[in-house]
Protein backbone atom coordinates (compact mmCIF):
# COMPACT_ATOMS: atom_id res chain seq x y z
CA UNK A 1 82.47 105.21 122.33
CA UNK A 2 84.53 103.62 119.21
CA UNK A 3 84.56 100.21 118.25
CA UNK A 4 88.44 98.88 117.56
CA UNK A 5 88.84 95.24 116.17
CA UNK A 6 91.88 93.38 117.14
CA UNK A 7 93.53 92.07 113.99
CA UNK A 8 96.12 89.90 115.62
CA UNK A 9 98.84 89.94 118.31
CA UNK A 10 102.28 89.43 118.32
CA UNK A 11 103.62 88.17 121.25
CA UNK A 12 106.92 87.56 122.53
CA UNK A 13 108.61 86.01 125.73
CA UNK A 14 112.19 87.48 126.15
CA UNK A 15 113.59 85.93 129.24
CA UNK A 16 113.31 81.95 128.37
CA UNK A 17 115.91 79.17 129.10
CA UNK A 18 115.22 76.12 127.82
CA UNK A 19 116.79 73.05 126.44
CA UNK A 20 117.28 72.22 122.88
CA UNK A 21 114.93 69.24 123.40
CA UNK A 22 112.13 71.39 125.23
CA UNK A 23 112.72 74.02 122.03
CA UNK A 24 112.14 70.91 119.65
CA UNK A 25 108.97 69.83 121.30
CA UNK A 26 107.45 73.55 122.03
CA UNK A 27 108.69 75.01 118.75
CA UNK A 28 104.97 75.62 117.63
CA UNK A 29 104.24 77.56 120.84
CA UNK A 30 107.12 80.10 120.26
CA UNK A 31 107.05 80.83 116.73
CA UNK A 32 103.85 83.05 116.10
CA UNK A 33 102.45 82.86 112.45
CA UNK A 34 100.07 85.71 111.03
CA UNK A 35 98.77 85.15 107.57
CA UNK A 36 99.47 88.81 106.46
CA UNK A 37 102.88 89.66 108.23
CA UNK A 38 105.22 91.20 106.14
CA UNK A 39 108.59 91.71 107.90
CA UNK A 40 110.28 95.24 107.23
CA UNK A 41 113.39 93.43 106.08
CA UNK A 42 112.34 90.59 104.23
CA UNK A 43 110.33 92.44 101.06
CA UNK A 44 110.87 90.87 97.49
CA UNK A 45 113.04 92.50 95.18
CA UNK A 46 111.05 94.43 92.91
CA UNK A 47 111.81 93.39 89.13
CA UNK A 48 113.16 95.85 86.55
CA UNK A 49 110.30 97.02 83.52
CA UNK A 50 110.79 96.32 80.56
CA UNK A 51 111.51 98.71 77.96
CA UNK A 52 108.09 98.36 76.46
CA UNK A 53 106.25 98.81 79.81
CA UNK A 54 108.58 101.86 80.46
CA UNK A 55 108.02 103.23 76.97
CA UNK A 56 103.84 102.85 77.17
CA UNK A 57 104.01 104.93 80.83
CA UNK A 58 106.49 108.03 79.22
CA UNK A 59 103.92 107.61 76.10
CA UNK A 60 100.78 108.15 78.12
CA UNK A 61 101.48 110.39 80.45
CA UNK A 62 102.89 112.64 77.52
CA UNK A 63 99.43 112.13 75.77
CA UNK A 64 97.60 113.31 79.05
CA UNK A 65 99.66 116.05 80.07
CA UNK A 66 99.14 117.48 76.25
CA UNK A 67 95.34 116.73 76.65
CA UNK A 68 95.43 118.42 79.72
CA UNK A 69 97.71 121.79 78.50
CA UNK A 70 95.13 121.96 75.39
CA UNK A 71 91.83 121.62 77.57
CA UNK A 72 93.69 124.52 79.80
CA UNK A 73 94.25 126.77 76.94
CA UNK A 74 90.66 126.21 75.43
CA UNK A 75 89.23 126.72 79.17
CA UNK A 76 91.64 129.90 79.47
CA UNK A 77 90.63 131.41 75.67
CA UNK A 78 86.78 130.98 76.56
CA UNK A 79 87.15 132.70 80.08
CA UNK A 80 89.13 135.39 78.45
CA UNK A 81 85.99 135.74 75.88
CA UNK A 82 83.31 135.70 78.88
CA UNK A 83 85.62 138.65 80.65
CA UNK A 84 85.25 140.87 77.85
CA UNK A 85 82.23 140.72 77.48
CA UNK A 86 80.68 143.92 79.06
CA UNK A 87 77.30 145.20 78.42
CA UNK A 88 77.22 149.07 78.05
């Protein structure tokens, strides 16, 4: 048996014919509100990164890449050294 939590429900009534007076009166009923609702077309545009932020990202990425290459070379040399040792 699985337990599932219902987080929210979104209900729409498709065939509703109401007068403008009824819509004004019952507006709260027909406009569902969800605190964490994100509509697909209403995302806020991302702000472009500043030059300093872009420089720091590239710089630290290159430092991490060089660090990984150095570690890889050290591990490879140790592995080669271990594979050459034979007891005859």
